[in-house]
Amino acid sequence: MRDLSEGFAVLPGGICTIDEITETLMLKSIGFHDKPLAVLDIEGFFQHFFEFLEDSTRAGFMNLSLLNEIFIDEDPAAIANFLLSTIEQRNR
């Protein structure tokens, strides 16, 4: 499914959701894809996870530019608009 997608929208979920986010980021970091990633962070659901990623960048385990490429918002319309506009720009 990753090969057929043009971008990724992440909704709140469990451990498998975290696995998919980290795998998508890892594959992006090694150049396997350059697709947009948007996370729907309702009521700060992913706050601690993103704090962990920020700590990982400060410790040198993750590139800050990769973290900065993640679009995070609590509004589903903002997630959809980001993905649609980013995908449209990529396909020009």
N, C-alpha and C. Protein backbone atom coordinates (compact mmCIF):
# COMPACT_ATOMS: atom_id res chain seq x y z
N MET A 1 0.82 -1.19 0.00
CA MET A 1 0.00 0.00 0.00
C MET A 1 0.86 1.26 0.00
N ARG A 2 2.01 1.18 0.66
CA ARG A 2 2.89 2.35 0.71
C ARG A 2 3.32 2.75 -0.70
N ASP A 3 3.59 1.79 -1.55
CA ASP A 3 4.02 2.09 -2.92
C ASP A 3 2.91 2.75 -3.73
N LEU A 4 1.66 2.42 -3.45
CA LEU A 4 0.54 2.96 -4.22
C LEU A 4 0.07 4.32 -3.70
N SER A 5 0.49 4.71 -2.52
CA SER A 5 0.01 5.96 -1.93
C SER A 5 0.80 7.15 -2.46
N GLU A 6 0.18 8.33 -2.34
CA GLU A 6 0.85 9.57 -2.70
C GLU A 6 1.19 10.38 -1.46
N GLY A 7 0.74 9.94 -0.31
CA GLY A 7 1.00 10.60 0.96
C GLY A 7 0.39 9.79 2.08
N PHE A 8 0.65 10.23 3.32
CA PHE A 8 0.23 9.46 4.47
C PHE A 8 -0.50 10.36 5.47
N ALA A 9 -1.68 9.92 5.91
CA ALA A 9 -2.43 10.58 6.96
C ALA A 9 -2.50 9.62 8.14
N VAL A 10 -2.06 10.09 9.30
CA VAL A 10 -2.03 9.25 10.49
C VAL A 10 -3.11 9.73 11.46
N LEU A 11 -3.92 8.78 11.91
CA LEU A 11 -4.96 9.07 12.90
C LEU A 11 -4.55 8.46 14.23
N PRO A 12 -5.10 8.97 15.34
CA PRO A 12 -4.75 8.38 16.64
C PRO A 12 -5.01 6.87 16.66
N GLY A 13 -4.08 6.15 17.24
CA GLY A 13 -4.19 4.70 17.30
C GLY A 13 -3.20 4.14 18.30
N GLY A 14 -2.97 2.86 18.22
CA GLY A 14 -2.13 2.16 19.19
C GLY A 14 -0.70 1.98 18.72
N ILE A 15 -0.08 0.95 19.24
CA ILE A 15 1.33 0.70 19.00
C ILE A 15 1.63 0.46 17.51
N CYS A 16 0.69 -0.12 16.79
CA CYS A 16 0.91 -0.34 15.36
C CYS A 16 0.92 0.99 14.60
N THR A 17 0.18 1.97 15.08
CA THR A 17 0.21 3.29 14.46
C THR A 17 1.58 3.92 14.64
N ILE A 18 2.15 3.80 15.83
CA ILE A 18 3.50 4.32 16.10
C ILE A 18 4.50 3.60 15.21
N ASP A 19 4.34 2.30 15.06
CA ASP A 19 5.22 1.51 14.18
C ASP A 19 5.15 2.03 12.75
N GLU A 20 3.97 2.30 12.26
CA GLU A 20 3.82 2.79 10.88
C GLU A 20 4.44 4.18 10.71
N ILE A 21 4.27 5.05 11.71
CA ILE A 21 4.89 6.38 11.63
C ILE A 21 6.41 6.24 11.57
N THR A 22 6.97 5.46 12.48
CA THR A 22 8.43 5.35 12.53
C THR A 22 8.97 4.65 11.28
N GLU A 23 8.27 3.67 10.77
CA GLU A 23 8.73 3.00 9.54
C GLU A 23 8.66 3.97 8.35
N THR A 24 7.61 4.75 8.27
CA THR A 24 7.48 5.72 7.19
C THR A 24 8.59 6.76 7.27
N LEU A 25 8.89 7.23 8.48
CA LEU A 25 9.99 8.19 8.66
C LEU A 25 11.34 7.57 8.32
N MET A 26 11.55 6.34 8.74
CA MET A 26 12.82 5.66 8.45
C MET A 26 13.01 5.50 6.95
N LEU A 27 11.97 5.07 6.25
CA LEU A 27 12.08 4.90 4.80
C LEU A 27 12.30 6.23 4.11
N LYS A 28 11.70 7.28 4.62
CA LYS A 28 11.92 8.62 4.06
C LYS A 28 13.37 9.05 4.30
N SER A 29 13.89 8.75 5.47
CA SER A 29 15.26 9.17 5.82
C SER A 29 16.32 8.51 4.96
N ILE A 30 16.03 7.32 4.45
CA ILE A 30 17.02 6.64 3.59
C ILE A 30 16.70 6.79 2.11
N GLY A 31 15.74 7.65 1.79
CA GLY A 31 15.45 7.97 0.40
C GLY A 31 14.53 7.02 -0.33
N PHE A 32 13.84 6.16 0.40
CA PHE A 32 12.93 5.20 -0.23
C PHE A 32 11.71 5.91 -0.80
N HIS A 33 11.30 7.00 -0.18
CA HIS A 33 10.18 7.79 -0.69
C HIS A 33 10.36 9.24 -0.24
N ASP A 34 9.61 10.12 -0.87
CA ASP A 34 9.60 11.53 -0.49
C ASP A 34 8.15 12.02 -0.43
N LYS A 35 7.30 11.22 0.19
CA LYS A 35 5.87 11.51 0.25
C LYS A 35 5.54 12.25 1.54
N PRO A 36 4.52 13.13 1.49
CA PRO A 36 4.16 13.88 2.68
C PRO A 36 3.53 13.01 3.76
N LEU A 37 3.77 13.42 5.01
CA LEU A 37 3.24 12.73 6.18
C LEU A 37 2.51 13.75 7.04
N ALA A 38 1.24 13.50 7.33
CA ALA A 38 0.43 14.38 8.15
C ALA A 38 -0.16 13.58 9.30
N VAL A 39 -0.10 14.16 10.49
CA VAL A 39 -0.58 13.48 11.70
C VAL A 39 -1.72 14.27 12.32
N LEU A 40 -2.85 13.61 12.51
CA LEU A 40 -3.99 14.21 13.18
C LEU A 40 -3.80 14.02 14.68
N ASP A 41 -3.45 15.10 15.35
CA ASP A 41 -3.11 15.05 16.77
C ASP A 41 -4.25 15.63 17.61
N ILE A 42 -5.31 14.87 17.75
CA ILE A 42 -6.49 15.31 18.48
C ILE A 42 -6.20 15.34 19.98
N GLU A 43 -6.45 16.50 20.58
CA GLU A 43 -6.27 16.70 22.02
C GLU A 43 -4.89 16.27 22.51
N GLY A 44 -3.85 16.47 21.69
CA GLY A 44 -2.49 16.15 22.09
C GLY A 44 -2.18 14.68 22.20
N PHE A 45 -2.95 13.85 21.49
CA PHE A 45 -2.79 12.39 21.58
C PHE A 45 -1.33 11.96 21.35
N PHE A 46 -0.67 12.58 20.37
CA PHE A 46 0.70 12.20 20.01
C PHE A 46 1.76 13.07 20.68
N GLN A 47 1.38 13.91 21.62
CA GLN A 47 2.32 14.86 22.21
C GLN A 47 3.57 14.18 22.76
N HIS A 48 3.41 13.14 23.54
CA HIS A 48 4.57 12.47 24.15
C HIS A 48 5.43 11.78 23.09
N PHE A 49 4.80 11.25 22.07
CA PHE A 49 5.56 10.62 20.98
C PHE A 49 6.43 11.66 20.27
N PHE A 50 5.87 12.82 19.99
CA PHE A 50 6.65 13.85 19.32
C PHE A 50 7.72 14.45 20.24
N GLU A 51 7.47 14.48 21.52
CA GLU A 51 8.51 14.88 22.47
C GLU A 51 9.68 13.90 22.42
N PHE A 52 9.36 12.61 22.31
CA PHE A 52 10.40 11.59 22.16
C PHE A 52 11.22 11.82 20.88
N LEU A 53 10.52 12.12 19.77
CA LEU A 53 11.25 12.38 18.52
C LEU A 53 12.12 13.63 18.63
N GLU A 54 11.62 14.65 19.30
CA GLU A 54 12.43 15.86 19.51
C GLU A 54 13.67 15.54 20.36
N ASP A 55 13.49 14.72 21.40
CA ASP A 55 14.63 14.29 22.21
C ASP A 55 15.62 13.50 21.36
N SER A 56 15.11 12.70 20.45
CA SER A 56 15.98 11.91 19.57
C SER A 56 16.80 12.80 18.66
N THR A 57 16.23 13.90 18.21
CA THR A 57 17.00 14.82 17.36
C THR A 57 18.07 15.53 18.18
N ARG A 58 17.73 15.93 19.40
CA ARG A 58 18.71 16.60 20.26
C ARG A 58 19.87 15.67 20.60
N ALA A 59 19.58 14.38 20.72
CA ALA A 59 20.62 13.40 21.05
C ALA A 59 21.41 12.96 19.82
N GLY A 60 20.98 13.42 18.64
CA GLY A 60 21.71 13.09 17.41
C GLY A 60 21.28 11.79 16.75
N PHE A 61 20.17 11.22 17.17
CA PHE A 61 19.70 9.96 16.60
C PHE A 61 18.76 10.16 15.41
N MET A 62 18.32 11.39 15.21
CA MET A 62 17.36 11.68 14.14
C MET A 62 17.66 13.07 13.60
N ASN A 63 17.55 13.21 12.30
CA ASN A 63 17.80 14.50 11.66
C ASN A 63 16.60 15.42 11.88
N LEU A 64 16.85 16.64 12.33
CA LEU A 64 15.79 17.60 12.60
C LEU A 64 14.98 17.90 11.35
N SER A 65 15.62 17.91 10.18
CA SER A 65 14.88 18.20 8.95
C SER A 65 13.79 17.16 8.69
N LEU A 66 14.03 15.93 9.08
CA LEU A 66 13.02 14.88 8.92
C LEU A 66 11.83 15.16 9.83
N LEU A 67 12.09 15.53 11.05
CA LEU A 67 11.03 15.85 11.99
C LEU A 67 10.22 17.06 11.51
N ASN A 68 10.90 18.02 10.94
CA ASN A 68 10.23 19.24 10.46
C ASN A 68 9.34 18.99 9.25
N GLU A 69 9.50 17.88 8.59
CA GLU A 69 8.68 17.56 7.42
C GLU A 69 7.32 16.96 7.78
N ILE A 70 7.10 16.65 9.05
CA ILE A 70 5.83 16.09 9.50
C ILE A 70 4.86 17.23 9.75
N PHE A 71 3.70 17.17 9.10
CA PHE A 71 2.65 18.16 9.33
C PHE A 71 1.77 17.63 10.44
N ILE A 72 1.60 18.42 11.50
CA ILE A 72 0.82 18.01 12.66
C ILE A 72 -0.27 19.03 12.89
N ASP A 73 -1.51 18.56 13.03
CA ASP A 73 -2.63 19.46 13.29
C ASP A 73 -3.74 18.67 13.95
N GLU A 74 -4.62 19.37 14.66
CA GLU A 74 -5.76 18.69 15.29
C GLU A 74 -7.03 18.81 14.46
N ASP A 75 -6.93 19.50 13.33
CA ASP A 75 -8.09 19.73 12.47
C ASP A 75 -8.02 18.79 11.25
N PRO A 76 -8.99 17.88 11.11
CA PRO A 76 -8.96 16.97 9.96
C PRO A 76 -8.94 17.70 8.62
N ALA A 77 -9.62 18.84 8.52
CA ALA A 77 -9.62 19.59 7.26
C ALA A 77 -8.23 20.12 6.95
N ALA A 78 -7.49 20.54 7.95
CA ALA A 78 -6.12 21.02 7.73
C ALA A 78 -5.22 19.89 7.24
N ILE A 79 -5.42 18.70 7.78
CA ILE A 79 -4.65 17.52 7.34
C ILE A 79 -4.95 17.24 5.86
N ALA A 80 -6.23 17.22 5.52
CA ALA A 80 -6.63 16.94 4.14
C ALA A 80 -6.10 18.02 3.20
N ASN A 81 -6.23 19.28 3.59
CA ASN A 81 -5.75 20.37 2.73
C ASN A 81 -4.24 20.31 2.53
N PHE A 82 -3.50 20.01 3.60
CA PHE A 82 -2.04 19.89 3.48
C PHE A 82 -1.67 18.78 2.50
N LEU A 83 -2.27 17.61 2.68
CA LEU A 83 -1.94 16.48 1.81
C LEU A 83 -2.32 16.77 0.36
N LEU A 84 -3.53 17.27 0.15
CA LEU A 84 -3.97 17.56 -1.22
C LEU A 84 -3.09 18.59 -1.90
N SER A 85 -2.77 19.67 -1.21
CA SER A 85 -1.94 20.71 -1.83
C SER A 85 -0.51 20.23 -2.06
N THR A 86 0.03 19.48 -1.12
CA THR A 86 1.40 18.97 -1.29
C THR A 86 1.47 17.97 -2.44
N ILE A 87 0.51 17.09 -2.52
CA ILE A 87 0.48 16.10 -3.59
C ILE A 87 0.28 16.80 -4.94
N GLU A 88 -0.58 17.80 -4.98
CA GLU A 88 -0.81 18.54 -6.22
C GLU A 88 0.48 19.23 -6.68
N GLN A 89 1.22 19.82 -5.76
CA GLN A 89 2.48 20.48 -6.11
C GLN A 89 3.50 19.47 -6.63
N ARG A 90 3.55 18.31 -6.01
CA ARG A 90 4.50 17.27 -6.43
C ARG A 90 4.19 16.75 -7.83
N ASN A 91 2.92 16.73 -8.19
CA ASN A 91 2.50 16.15 -9.47
C ASN A 91 2.52 17.14 -10.62
N ARG A 92 2.94 18.35 -10.39
CA ARG A 92 3.01 19.35 -11.47
C ARG A 92 4.17 19.10 -12.38
